[in-house]
C-alpha atoms as a PDB file:
ATOM      1  CA  UNK A   1     -46.803-139.129 -60.768  1.00  0.00           C
ATOM      2  CA  UNK A   2     -47.651-142.014 -62.962  1.00  0.00           C
ATOM      3  CA  UNK A   3     -49.236-145.182 -61.308  1.00  0.00           C
ATOM      4  CA  UNK A   4     -49.391-148.622 -63.109  1.00  0.00           C
ATOM      5  CA  UNK A   5     -52.299-150.729 -61.681  1.00  0.00           C
ATOM      6  CA  UNK A   6     -51.833-154.509 -62.190  1.00  0.00           C
ATOM      7  CA  UNK A   7     -52.787-155.597 -65.555  1.00  0.00           C
ATOM      8  CA  UNK A   8     -53.970-151.903 -66.477  1.00  0.00           C
ATOM      9  CA  UNK A   9     -52.449-148.911 -68.324  1.00  0.00           C
ATOM     10  CA  UNK A  10     -50.527-146.112 -66.749  1.00  0.00           C
ATOM     11  CA  UNK A  11     -52.802-143.543 -64.979  1.00  0.00           C
ATOM     12  CA  UNK A  12     -51.700-139.907 -63.895  1.00  0.00           C
ATOM     13  CA  UNK A  13     -52.388-139.823 -60.159  1.00  0.00           C
ATOM     14  CA  UNK A  14     -52.354-135.946 -60.067  1.00  0.00           C
ATOM     15  CA  UNK A  15     -55.647-135.787 -61.885  1.00  0.00           C
ATOM     16  CA  UNK A  16     -58.445-135.432 -59.291  1.00  0.00           C
ATOM     17  CA  UNK A  17     -61.226-138.030 -59.452  1.00  0.00           C
ATOM     18  CA  UNK A  18     -61.363-141.555 -60.248  1.00  0.00           C
ATOM     19  CA  UNK A  19     -58.447-143.175 -62.076  1.00  0.00           C
ATOM     20  CA  UNK A  20     -59.769-143.491 -65.707  1.00  0.00           C
ATOM     21  CA  UNK A  21     -57.722-144.493 -68.653  1.00  0.00           C
ATOM     22  CA  UNK A  22     -58.958-145.015 -72.352  1.00  0.00           C
ATOM     23  CA  UNK A  23     -59.051-148.664 -73.351  1.00  0.00           C
ATOM     24  CA  UNK A  24     -59.792-150.147 -76.662  1.00  0.00           C
ATOM     25  CA  UNK A  25     -63.515-151.259 -76.842  1.00  0.00           C
ATOM     26  CA  UNK A  26     -63.731-155.269 -76.645  1.00  0.00           C
ATOM     27  CA  UNK A  27     -60.370-155.465 -74.798  1.00  0.00           C
ATOM     28  CA  UNK A  28     -60.192-157.188 -71.574  1.00  0.00           C
ATOM     29  CA  UNK A  29     -59.509-153.862 -69.699  1.00  0.00           C
ATOM     30  CA  UNK A  30     -62.689-152.332 -71.180  1.00  0.00           C
ATOM     31  CA  UNK A  31     -65.028-154.474 -69.112  1.00  0.00           C
ATOM     32  CA  UNK A  32     -66.553-153.212 -65.914  1.00  0.00           C
ATOM     33  CA  UNK A  33     -64.892-154.831 -62.765  1.00  0.00           C
ATOM     34  CA  UNK A  34     -67.146-156.911 -60.633  1.00  0.00           C
ATOM     35  CA  UNK A  35     -66.787-154.639 -57.457  1.00  0.00           C
ATOM     36  CA  UNK A  36     -68.141-151.614 -59.536  1.00  0.00           C
ATOM     37  CA  UNK A  37     -71.057-153.750 -60.705  1.00  0.00           C
ATOM     38  CA  UNK A  38     -71.622-155.095 -57.009  1.00  0.00           C
ATOM     39  CA  UNK A  39     -71.485-151.503 -55.535  1.00  0.00           C
ATOM     40  CA  UNK A  40     -73.790-150.122 -58.249  1.00  0.00           C
ATOM     41  CA  UNK A  41     -76.319-152.982 -57.605  1.00  0.00           C
ATOM     42  CA  UNK A  42     -76.279-152.134 -54.000  1.00  0.00           C
ATOM     43  CA  UNK A  43     -77.081-148.439 -54.638  1.00  0.00           C
ATOM     44  CA  UNK A  44     -79.905-149.349 -56.840  1.00  0.00           C
ATOM     45  CA  UNK A  45     -81.375-151.818 -54.278  1.00  0.00           C
ATOM     46  CA  UNK A  46     -81.057-149.148 -51.561  1.00  0.00           C
ATOM     47  CA  UNK A  47     -82.873-146.478 -53.933  1.00  0.00           C
ATOM     48  CA  UNK A  48     -85.569-149.036 -54.946  1.00  0.00           C
ATOM     49  CA  UNK A  49     -86.268-150.074 -51.350  1.00  0.00           C
ATOM     50  CA  UNK A  50     -86.675-146.221 -50.588  1.00  0.00           C
ATOM     51  CA  UNK A  51     -89.257-145.986 -53.652  1.00  0.00           C
ATOM     52  CA  UNK A  52     -91.046-149.011 -52.476  1.00  0.00           C
ATOM     53  CA  UNK A  53     -91.453-147.479 -48.985  1.00  0.00           C
ATOM     54  CA  UNK A  54     -92.700-144.395 -50.599  1.00  0.00           C
ATOM     55  CA  UNK A  55     -95.196-146.151 -52.720  1.00  0.00           C
ATOM     56  CA  UNK A  56     -96.279-148.146 -49.766  1.00  0.00           C
ATOM     57  CA  UNK A  57     -97.130-145.238 -47.751  1.00  0.00           C
ATOM     58  CA  UNK A  58     -99.114-143.620 -50.693  1.00  0.00           C
ATOM     59  CA  UNK A  59    -101.167-146.786 -50.849  1.00  0.00           C
ATOM     60  CA  UNK A  60    -101.895-146.791 -47.172  1.00  0.00           C
ATOM     61  CA  UNK A  61    -103.314-143.261 -47.013  1.00  0.00           C
ATOM     62  CA  UNK A  62    -104.884-143.317 -50.557  1.00  0.00           C
ATOM     63  CA  UNK A  63    -108.363-143.319 -48.647  1.00  0.00           C
ATOM     64  CA  UNK A  64    -107.420-140.172 -46.642  1.00  0.00           C
ATOM     65  CA  UNK A  65    -108.370-137.574 -49.253  1.00  0.00           C
ATOM     66  CA  UNK A  66    -110.982-135.875 -47.056  1.00  0.00           C
ATOM     67  CA  UNK A  67    -108.566-136.076 -44.203  1.00  0.00           C
ATOM     68  CA  UNK A  68    -105.874-134.492 -46.326  1.00  0.00           C
ATOM     69  CA  UNK A  69    -108.108-131.539 -47.368  1.00  0.00           C
ATOM     70  CA  UNK A  70    -109.145-130.909 -43.626  1.00  0.00           C
ATOM     71  CA  UNK A  71    -105.517-130.786 -42.590  1.00  0.00           C
ATOM     72  CA  UNK A  72    -104.684-128.634 -45.459  1.00  0.00           C
ATOM     73  CA  UNK A  73    -107.424-126.037 -44.244  1.00  0.00           C
ATOM     74  CA  UNK A  74    -106.138-126.518 -40.579  1.00  0.00           C
ATOM     75  CA  UNK A  75    -102.776-125.688 -41.775  1.00  0.00           C
ATOM     76  CA  UNK A  76    -104.078-122.501 -43.541  1.00  0.00           C
ATOM     77  CA  UNK A  77    -105.977-121.363 -40.559  1.00  0.00           C
ATOM     78  CA  UNK A  78    -102.744-121.564 -38.364  1.00  0.00           C
ATOM     79  CA  UNK A  79    -100.738-119.700 -40.981  1.00  0.00           C
ATOM     80  CA  UNK A  80    -103.462-117.001 -41.019  1.00  0.00           C
ATOM     81  CA  UNK A  81    -103.415-116.883 -37.205  1.00  0.00           C
ATOM     82  CA  UNK A  82     -99.560-116.562 -37.549  1.00  0.00           C
ATOM     83  CA  UNK A  83     -99.588-114.020 -40.371  1.00  0.00           C
ATOM     84  CA  UNK A  84     -97.729-116.348 -42.488  1.00  0.00           C
ATOM     85  CA  UNK A  85    -100.372-117.068 -45.132  1.00  0.00           C
ATOM     86  CA  UNK A  86     -98.682-115.262 -48.002  1.00  0.00           C
ATOM     87  CA  UNK A  87     -98.808-117.871 -50.804  1.00  0.00           C
ATOM     88  CA  UNK A  88    -102.396-116.738 -52.142  1.00  0.00           C
ATOM     89  CA  UNK A  89    -101.619-112.935 -52.287  1.00  0.00           C
ATOM     90  CA  UNK A  90     -98.133-113.740 -53.871  1.00  0.00           C
ATOM     91  CA  UNK A  91     -99.594-115.938 -56.286  1.00  0.00           C
ATOM     92  CA  UNK A  92    -102.467-113.652 -57.207  1.00  0.00           C
ATOM     93  CA  UNK A  93     -99.700-110.805 -57.959  1.00  0.00           C
ATOM     94  CA  UNK A  94     -97.684-113.285 -60.232  1.00  0.00           C
ATOM     95  CA  UNK A  95    -100.600-114.804 -62.013  1.00  0.00           C
ATOM     96  CA  UNK A  96    -100.886-111.587 -64.153  1.00  0.00           C
ATOM     97  CA  UNK A  97     -97.305-112.424 -65.671  1.00  0.00           C
ATOM     98  CA  UNK A  98     -97.565-115.719 -67.800  1.00  0.00           C
ATOM     99  CA  UNK A  99     -94.112-115.662 -68.967  1.00  0.00           C
ATOM    100  CA  UNK A 100     -92.918-115.393 -65.141  1.00  0.00           C
ATOM    101  CA  UNK A 101     -95.342-118.373 -64.185  1.00  0.00           C
ATOM    102  CA  UNK A 102     -94.219-120.405 -66.781  1.00  0.00           C
ATOM    103  CA  UNK A 103     -90.435-119.983 -65.912  1.00  0.00           C
ATOM    104  CA  UNK A 104     -91.252-120.766 -62.436  1.00  0.00           C
ATOM    105  CA  UNK A 105     -93.264-123.881 -63.549  1.00  0.00           C
ATOM    106  CA  UNK A 106     -90.170-125.018 -65.512  1.00  0.00           C
ATOM    107  CA  UNK A 107     -87.985-124.564 -62.599  1.00  0.00           C
ATOM    108  CA  UNK A 108     -90.382-126.497 -60.572  1.00  0.00           C
ATOM    109  CA  UNK A 109     -90.542-129.313 -63.224  1.00  0.00           C
ATOM    110  CA  UNK A 110     -86.944-129.497 -64.394  1.00  0.00           C
ATOM    111  CA  UNK A 111     -85.187-128.462 -61.261  1.00  0.00           C
ATOM    112  CA  UNK A 112     -86.349-131.154 -59.033  1.00  0.00           C
ATOM    113  CA  UNK A 113     -86.011-134.907 -60.162  1.00  0.00           C
ATOM    114  CA  UNK A 114     -83.793-134.468 -63.165  1.00  0.00           C
ATOM    115  CA  UNK A 115     -81.408-132.331 -61.084  1.00  0.00           C
ATOM    116  CA  UNK A 116     -81.665-134.653 -58.153  1.00  0.00           C
ATOM    117  CA  UNK A 117     -80.681-137.676 -60.385  1.00  0.00           C
ATOM    118  CA  UNK A 118     -78.118-136.025 -62.442  1.00  0.00           C
ATOM    119  CA  UNK A 119     -76.285-134.838 -59.215  1.00  0.00           C
ATOM    120  CA  UNK A 120     -76.829-138.353 -57.744  1.00  0.00           C
ATOM    121  CA  UNK A 121     -75.138-140.006 -60.702  1.00  0.00           C
ATOM    122  CA  UNK A 122     -72.415-137.343 -61.097  1.00  0.00           C
ATOM    123  CA  UNK A 123     -71.427-137.737 -57.371  1.00  0.00           C
ATOM    124  CA  UNK A 124     -71.634-141.814 -57.512  1.00  0.00           C
ATOM    125  CA  UNK A 125     -69.086-141.639 -60.476  1.00  0.00           C
ATOM    126  CA  UNK A 126     -66.739-138.845 -58.895  1.00  0.00           C
ATOM    127  CA  UNK A 127     -67.243-138.927 -55.212  1.00  0.00           C
ATOM    128  CA  UNK A 128     -68.783-142.244 -54.013  1.00  0.00           C
ATOM    129  CA  UNK A 129     -68.298-141.184 -50.410  1.00  0.00           C
ATOM    130  CA  UNK A 130     -69.999-137.977 -50.516  1.00  0.00           C
ATOM    131  CA  UNK A 131     -72.791-139.563 -52.794  1.00  0.00           C
ATOM    132  CA  UNK A 132     -73.451-142.314 -49.938  1.00  0.00           C
ATOM    133  CA  UNK A 133     -73.734-139.747 -47.215  1.00  0.00           C
ATOM    134  CA  UNK A 134     -76.159-137.472 -49.166  1.00  0.00           C
ATOM    135  CA  UNK A 135     -78.098-140.545 -50.429  1.00  0.00           C
ATOM    136  CA  UNK A 136     -78.575-141.612 -46.873  1.00  0.00           C
ATOM    137  CA  UNK A 137     -79.577-138.118 -45.704  1.00  0.00           C
ATOM    138  CA  UNK A 138     -81.942-137.743 -48.343  1.00  0.00           C
ATOM    139  CA  UNK A 139     -83.620-141.318 -47.771  1.00  0.00           C
ATOM    140  CA  UNK A 140     -83.660-140.651 -43.993  1.00  0.00           C
ATOM    141  CA  UNK A 141     -85.414-137.174 -44.375  1.00  0.00           C
ATOM    142  CA  UNK A 142     -87.678-138.758 -46.774  1.00  0.00           C
ATOM    143  CA  UNK A 143     -88.651-141.609 -44.446  1.00  0.00           C
ATOM    144  CA  UNK A 144     -89.198-139.140 -41.756  1.00  0.00           C
ATOM    145  CA  UNK A 145     -91.482-137.132 -44.136  1.00  0.00           C
ATOM    146  CA  UNK A 146     -93.410-140.335 -45.087  1.00  0.00           C
ATOM    147  CA  UNK A 147     -93.980-141.170 -41.557  1.00  0.00           C
ATOM    148  CA  UNK A 148     -95.500-137.655 -40.908  1.00  0.00           C
ATOM    149  CA  UNK A 149     -97.443-137.879 -44.136  1.00  0.00           C
ATOM    150  CA  UNK A 150     -98.872-141.428 -42.953  1.00  0.00           C
ATOM    151  CA  UNK A 151     -99.886-140.054 -39.714  1.00  0.00           C
ATOM    152  CA  UNK A 152    -101.402-136.697 -41.012  1.00  0.00           C
ATOM    153  CA  UNK A 153    -101.914-136.510 -44.746  1.00  0.00           C
ATOM    154  CA  UNK A 154    -102.058-133.045 -46.225  1.00  0.00           C
ATOM    155  CA  UNK A 155    -103.237-131.977 -49.587  1.00  0.00           C
ATOM    156  CA  UNK A 156    -101.117-129.307 -51.546  1.00  0.00           C
ATOM    157  CA  UNK A 157    -102.816-125.937 -51.379  1.00  0.00           C
ATOM    158  CA  UNK A 158    -103.465-126.060 -55.295  1.00  0.00           C
ATOM    159  CA  UNK A 159    -105.732-128.948 -54.543  1.00  0.00           C
ATOM    160  CA  UNK A 160    -107.159-128.080 -51.295  1.00  0.00           C
ATOM    161  CA  UNK A 161    -109.497-125.419 -52.615  1.00  0.00           C
ATOM    162  CA  UNK A 162    -108.029-122.435 -50.577  1.00  0.00           C
ATOM    163  CA  UNK A 163    -107.705-120.143 -53.398  1.00  0.00           C
ATOM    164  CA  UNK A 164    -104.506-121.179 -54.674  1.00  0.00           C
ATOM    165  CA  UNK A 165    -104.338-122.242 -58.310  1.00  0.00           C
ATOM    166  CA  UNK A 166    -102.488-125.140 -60.115  1.00  0.00           C
ATOM    167  CA  UNK A 167    -100.290-123.125 -62.303  1.00  0.00           C
ATOM    168  CA  UNK A 168     -99.173-126.164 -64.283  1.00  0.00           C
ATOM    169  CA  UNK A 169    -102.661-126.875 -65.206  1.00  0.00           C
ATOM    170  CA  UNK A 170    -103.142-123.230 -66.141  1.00  0.00           C
ATOM    171  CA  UNK A 171    -100.208-122.457 -68.263  1.00  0.00           C
ATOM    172  CA  UNK A 172     -98.210-125.675 -68.918  1.00  0.00           C
ATOM    173  CA  UNK A 173     -99.459-128.942 -70.428  1.00  0.00           C
ATOM    174  CA  UNK A 174     -96.106-130.128 -70.755  1.00  0.00           C
ATOM    175  CA  UNK A 175     -95.805-131.710 -67.359  1.00  0.00           C
ATOM    176  CA  UNK A 176     -99.401-133.126 -67.069  1.00  0.00           C
ATOM    177  CA  UNK A 177     -98.082-136.278 -68.392  1.00  0.00           C
ATOM    178  CA  UNK A 178     -96.811-137.095 -64.874  1.00  0.00           C
ATOM    179  CA  UNK A 179    -100.180-137.126 -63.123  1.00  0.00           C
ATOM    180  CA  UNK A 180    -100.270-140.809 -63.109  1.00  0.00           C
ATOM    181  CA  UNK A 181     -96.861-141.114 -61.473  1.00  0.00           C
ATOM    182  CA  UNK A 182     -97.481-139.214 -58.298  1.00  0.00           C
ATOM    183  CA  UNK A 183    -100.516-139.159 -56.097  1.00  0.00           C
ATOM    184  CA  UNK A 184    -101.891-135.657 -56.078  1.00  0.00           C
ATOM    185  CA  UNK A 185    -103.414-135.528 -52.494  1.00  0.00           C
ATOM    186  CA  UNK A 186    -103.932-137.836 -49.290  1.00  0.00           C
END
């Protein structure tokens, strides 16, 4: 079925997703509507607030390096007591296979933020209702994590001197440019 929006070209309503029609560049129809700009600005403001909260908590706990190391060791002792301390032996077995380690590093590097941002943009364009729900769930879970982190900072095993190596430092210089972008511990 073809639908004609006021002042716009006909659009086939059987095609799933947002109604999109080709418009000549510079034509009045090619401009982005005000509601779309307002909605995008609102989403950007929510994400900016979440990033500011993240940075704020990181600044608050920046002097907690020693506490973060101590908490990491306490967690390792608990994992050992519960027979869950498997990270070191697994890593030791995999370190002999440099190609596999590099593959895992690349999955870690490029499978997190780029995929997350790409999916968010895709969902925002195609399924805004789903995007808002997932964005809210991500932010709420992140805020809960930040609250826990603020109360009990923990250094990652690779920085806590527990026998786990930083494989990115060992094998891949590609990702080391981001060290200034994230705090490595406590």
